[in-house]
C-alpha atoms as a PDB file:
ATOM      1  CA  UNK A   1     -32.795  42.689  26.272  1.00  0.00           C
ATOM      2  CA  UNK A   2     -33.298  45.287  23.534  1.00  0.00           C
ATOM      3  CA  UNK A   3     -30.572  47.466  25.063  1.00  0.00           C
ATOM      4  CA  UNK A   4     -28.099  44.555  24.839  1.00  0.00           C
ATOM      5  CA  UNK A   5     -29.034  44.018  21.190  1.00  0.00           C
ATOM      6  CA  UNK A   6     -28.551  47.732  20.499  1.00  0.00           C
ATOM      7  CA  UNK A   7     -25.080  47.653  22.085  1.00  0.00           C
ATOM      8  CA  UNK A   8     -24.253  44.477  20.162  1.00  0.00           C
ATOM      9  CA  UNK A   9     -25.251  46.120  16.877  1.00  0.00           C
ATOM     10  CA  UNK A  10     -23.258  49.238  17.709  1.00  0.00           C
ATOM     11  CA  UNK A  11     -20.268  47.084  18.655  1.00  0.00           C
ATOM     12  CA  UNK A  12     -20.408  45.333  15.273  1.00  0.00           C
ATOM     13  CA  UNK A  13     -20.320  48.733  13.561  1.00  0.00           C
ATOM     14  CA  UNK A  14     -17.385  49.797  15.756  1.00  0.00           C
ATOM     15  CA  UNK A  15     -15.608  46.566  14.764  1.00  0.00           C
ATOM     16  CA  UNK A  16     -16.320  47.252  11.064  1.00  0.00           C
ATOM     17  CA  UNK A  17     -14.935  50.769  11.339  1.00  0.00           C
ATOM     18  CA  UNK A  18     -11.888  49.480  13.197  1.00  0.00           C
ATOM     19  CA  UNK A  19     -11.144  46.826  10.575  1.00  0.00           C
ATOM     20  CA  UNK A  20     -11.551  49.271   7.685  1.00  0.00           C
ATOM     21  CA  UNK A  21      -9.165  51.693   9.423  1.00  0.00           C
ATOM     22  CA  UNK A  22      -6.674  48.794   9.659  1.00  0.00           C
ATOM     23  CA  UNK A  23      -6.852  48.170   5.890  1.00  0.00           C
ATOM     24  CA  UNK A  24      -9.436  45.384   5.769  1.00  0.00           C
ATOM     25  CA  UNK A  25     -12.320  45.266   3.305  1.00  0.00           C
ATOM     26  CA  UNK A  26     -15.666  44.169   4.726  1.00  0.00           C
ATOM     27  CA  UNK A  27     -17.215  41.462   2.543  1.00  0.00           C
ATOM     28  CA  UNK A  28     -20.235  40.494   4.675  1.00  0.00           C
ATOM     29  CA  UNK A  29     -22.120  41.581   7.793  1.00  0.00           C
ATOM     30  CA  UNK A  30     -24.071  38.944   9.736  1.00  0.00           C
ATOM     31  CA  UNK A  31     -23.462  36.265   7.123  1.00  0.00           C
ATOM     32  CA  UNK A  32     -25.779  33.269   7.501  1.00  0.00           C
ATOM     33  CA  UNK A  33     -25.560  29.787   6.041  1.00  0.00           C
ATOM     34  CA  UNK A  34     -27.046  26.381   6.652  1.00  0.00           C
ATOM     35  CA  UNK A  35     -30.237  24.632   5.733  1.00  0.00           C
ATOM     36  CA  UNK A  36     -32.641  26.183   8.180  1.00  0.00           C
ATOM     37  CA  UNK A  37     -29.988  26.206  10.899  1.00  0.00           C
ATOM     38  CA  UNK A  38     -28.862  29.348  12.578  1.00  0.00           C
ATOM     39  CA  UNK A  39     -25.261  29.618  11.505  1.00  0.00           C
ATOM     40  CA  UNK A  40     -23.942  33.134  11.510  1.00  0.00           C
ATOM     41  CA  UNK A  41     -20.615  34.926  11.381  1.00  0.00           C
ATOM     42  CA  UNK A  42     -20.715  38.526  12.550  1.00  0.00           C
ATOM     43  CA  UNK A  43     -18.245  39.873   9.995  1.00  0.00           C
ATOM     44  CA  UNK A  44     -16.363  38.488   7.046  1.00  0.00           C
ATOM     45  CA  UNK A  45     -13.461  40.685   6.038  1.00  0.00           C
ATOM     46  CA  UNK A  46     -10.614  40.454   3.569  1.00  0.00           C
ATOM     47  CA  UNK A  47      -7.030  41.481   4.163  1.00  0.00           C
ATOM     48  CA  UNK A  48      -4.954  40.846   1.069  1.00  0.00           C
ATOM     49  CA  UNK A  49      -5.508  37.210   0.086  1.00  0.00           C
ATOM     50  CA  UNK A  50      -6.826  36.251   3.534  1.00  0.00           C
ATOM     51  CA  UNK A  51     -10.517  35.906   4.330  1.00  0.00           C
ATOM     52  CA  UNK A  52     -11.078  36.754   7.995  1.00  0.00           C
ATOM     53  CA  UNK A  53     -14.096  35.396   9.872  1.00  0.00           C
ATOM     54  CA  UNK A  54     -14.716  37.676  12.831  1.00  0.00           C
ATOM     55  CA  UNK A  55     -16.762  37.097  15.956  1.00  0.00           C
ATOM     56  CA  UNK A  56     -17.610  40.360  17.717  1.00  0.00           C
ATOM     57  CA  UNK A  57     -18.305  40.182  21.440  1.00  0.00           C
ATOM     58  CA  UNK A  58     -19.454  43.210  23.417  1.00  0.00           C
ATOM     59  CA  UNK A  59     -19.929  43.682  27.125  1.00  0.00           C
ATOM     60  CA  UNK A  60     -21.001  46.783  28.993  1.00  0.00           C
ATOM     61  CA  UNK A  61     -19.251  45.875  32.242  1.00  0.00           C
ATOM     62  CA  UNK A  62     -15.994  44.366  33.376  1.00  0.00           C
ATOM     63  CA  UNK A  63     -17.555  41.356  35.109  1.00  0.00           C
ATOM     64  CA  UNK A  64     -17.094  38.935  32.212  1.00  0.00           C
ATOM     65  CA  UNK A  65     -14.384  38.830  29.592  1.00  0.00           C
ATOM     66  CA  UNK A  66     -16.170  38.909  26.223  1.00  0.00           C
ATOM     67  CA  UNK A  67     -13.655  36.451  24.790  1.00  0.00           C
ATOM     68  CA  UNK A  68     -14.857  33.780  27.237  1.00  0.00           C
ATOM     69  CA  UNK A  69     -18.218  33.780  25.416  1.00  0.00           C
ATOM     70  CA  UNK A  70     -16.595  32.187  22.348  1.00  0.00           C
ATOM     71  CA  UNK A  71     -17.002  28.582  23.405  1.00  0.00           C
ATOM     72  CA  UNK A  72     -16.593  25.280  21.588  1.00  0.00           C
ATOM     73  CA  UNK A  73     -20.122  25.342  20.202  1.00  0.00           C
ATOM     74  CA  UNK A  74     -19.605  28.837  18.766  1.00  0.00           C
ATOM     75  CA  UNK A  75     -16.268  27.825  17.273  1.00  0.00           C
ATOM     76  CA  UNK A  76     -17.761  24.741  15.573  1.00  0.00           C
ATOM     77  CA  UNK A  77     -20.603  26.851  14.159  1.00  0.00           C
ATOM     78  CA  UNK A  78     -18.175  29.453  12.830  1.00  0.00           C
ATOM     79  CA  UNK A  79     -15.982  26.794  11.238  1.00  0.00           C
ATOM     80  CA  UNK A  80     -18.932  25.169   9.461  1.00  0.00           C
ATOM     81  CA  UNK A  81     -20.190  28.535   8.237  1.00  0.00           C
ATOM     82  CA  UNK A  82     -16.708  29.527   7.093  1.00  0.00           C
ATOM     83  CA  UNK A  83     -16.327  26.216   5.264  1.00  0.00           C
ATOM     84  CA  UNK A  84     -19.551  26.857   3.326  1.00  0.00           C
ATOM     85  CA  UNK A  85     -18.431  30.396   2.503  1.00  0.00           C
ATOM     86  CA  UNK A  86     -14.968  29.317   1.344  1.00  0.00           C
ATOM     87  CA  UNK A  87     -16.413  26.632  -0.942  1.00  0.00           C
ATOM     88  CA  UNK A  88     -18.333  29.306  -2.854  1.00  0.00           C
ATOM     89  CA  UNK A  89     -15.252  31.441  -3.574  1.00  0.00           C
ATOM     90  CA  UNK A  90     -13.757  31.219  -7.022  1.00  0.00           C
ATOM     91  CA  UNK A  91     -10.383  32.707  -6.117  1.00  0.00           C
ATOM     92  CA  UNK A  92      -7.712  31.074  -3.970  1.00  0.00           C
ATOM     93  CA  UNK A  93      -7.728  32.547  -0.456  1.00  0.00           C
ATOM     94  CA  UNK A  94      -6.440  31.437   2.886  1.00  0.00           C
ATOM     95  CA  UNK A  95      -8.573  32.142   5.932  1.00  0.00           C
ATOM     96  CA  UNK A  96      -8.437  32.654   9.663  1.00  0.00           C
ATOM     97  CA  UNK A  97     -10.691  33.252  12.658  1.00  0.00           C
ATOM     98  CA  UNK A  98     -10.454  36.465  14.681  1.00  0.00           C
ATOM     99  CA  UNK A  99     -12.262  37.786  17.725  1.00  0.00           C
ATOM    100  CA  UNK A 100     -12.921  41.446  18.381  1.00  0.00           C
ATOM    101  CA  UNK A 101     -13.859  42.135  22.002  1.00  0.00           C
ATOM    102  CA  UNK A 102     -15.401  45.482  22.872  1.00  0.00           C
ATOM    103  CA  UNK A 103     -15.967  46.468  26.480  1.00  0.00           C
ATOM    104  CA  UNK A 104     -17.673  49.617  27.715  1.00  0.00           C
ATOM    105  CA  UNK A 105     -20.388  51.799  26.238  1.00  0.00           C
ATOM    106  CA  UNK A 106     -20.894  53.360  22.802  1.00  0.00           C
ATOM    107  CA  UNK A 107     -19.359  56.578  24.162  1.00  0.00           C
ATOM    108  CA  UNK A 108     -16.412  55.032  25.987  1.00  0.00           C
ATOM    109  CA  UNK A 109     -15.074  51.606  25.091  1.00  0.00           C
ATOM    110  CA  UNK A 110     -11.947  49.556  24.675  1.00  0.00           C
ATOM    111  CA  UNK A 111     -11.401  47.303  21.706  1.00  0.00           C
ATOM    112  CA  UNK A 112      -9.214  44.205  21.574  1.00  0.00           C
ATOM    113  CA  UNK A 113      -8.530  42.482  18.250  1.00  0.00           C
ATOM    114  CA  UNK A 114      -7.246  38.924  18.458  1.00  0.00           C
ATOM    115  CA  UNK A 115      -6.087  37.648  15.055  1.00  0.00           C
ATOM    116  CA  UNK A 116      -5.915  33.851  14.714  1.00  0.00           C
ATOM    117  CA  UNK A 117      -7.934  33.540  17.917  1.00  0.00           C
ATOM    118  CA  UNK A 118      -8.431  29.827  17.301  1.00  0.00           C
ATOM    119  CA  UNK A 119      -7.750  27.170  14.723  1.00  0.00           C
ATOM    120  CA  UNK A 120     -10.324  25.009  13.063  1.00  0.00           C
ATOM    121  CA  UNK A 121     -10.955  21.944  15.250  1.00  0.00           C
ATOM    122  CA  UNK A 122     -11.092  18.513  13.691  1.00  0.00           C
ATOM    123  CA  UNK A 123     -14.577  17.048  13.794  1.00  0.00           C
ATOM    124  CA  UNK A 124     -16.794  14.712  11.842  1.00  0.00           C
ATOM    125  CA  UNK A 125     -20.068  15.870  10.411  1.00  0.00           C
END
């Protein structure tokens, strides 16, 4: 399990470096919100006047597409966390949800960035 966590942490750094190289500013790493609940967004970036909530998924093999791991529960959690984050901003920003999928190893990987990977679902609290 520790090896998977190590690769996940390295993948988040790879995603940060990738976003910065694309002109994004990183605002938060592993941002958490919620009253005792585990709500986390891997990265919060800014690109112009857009706040980008990014889920980073890493896999070491080709058996499972990392994007498939972003299910309805994960999306709802991200949306609630993003909502809390956006309420605290003083400036007027739009926002979106991206996924960065990294497959391989720290020495040899492919990266796929999916802007606007999903839209905020309608739900009641």
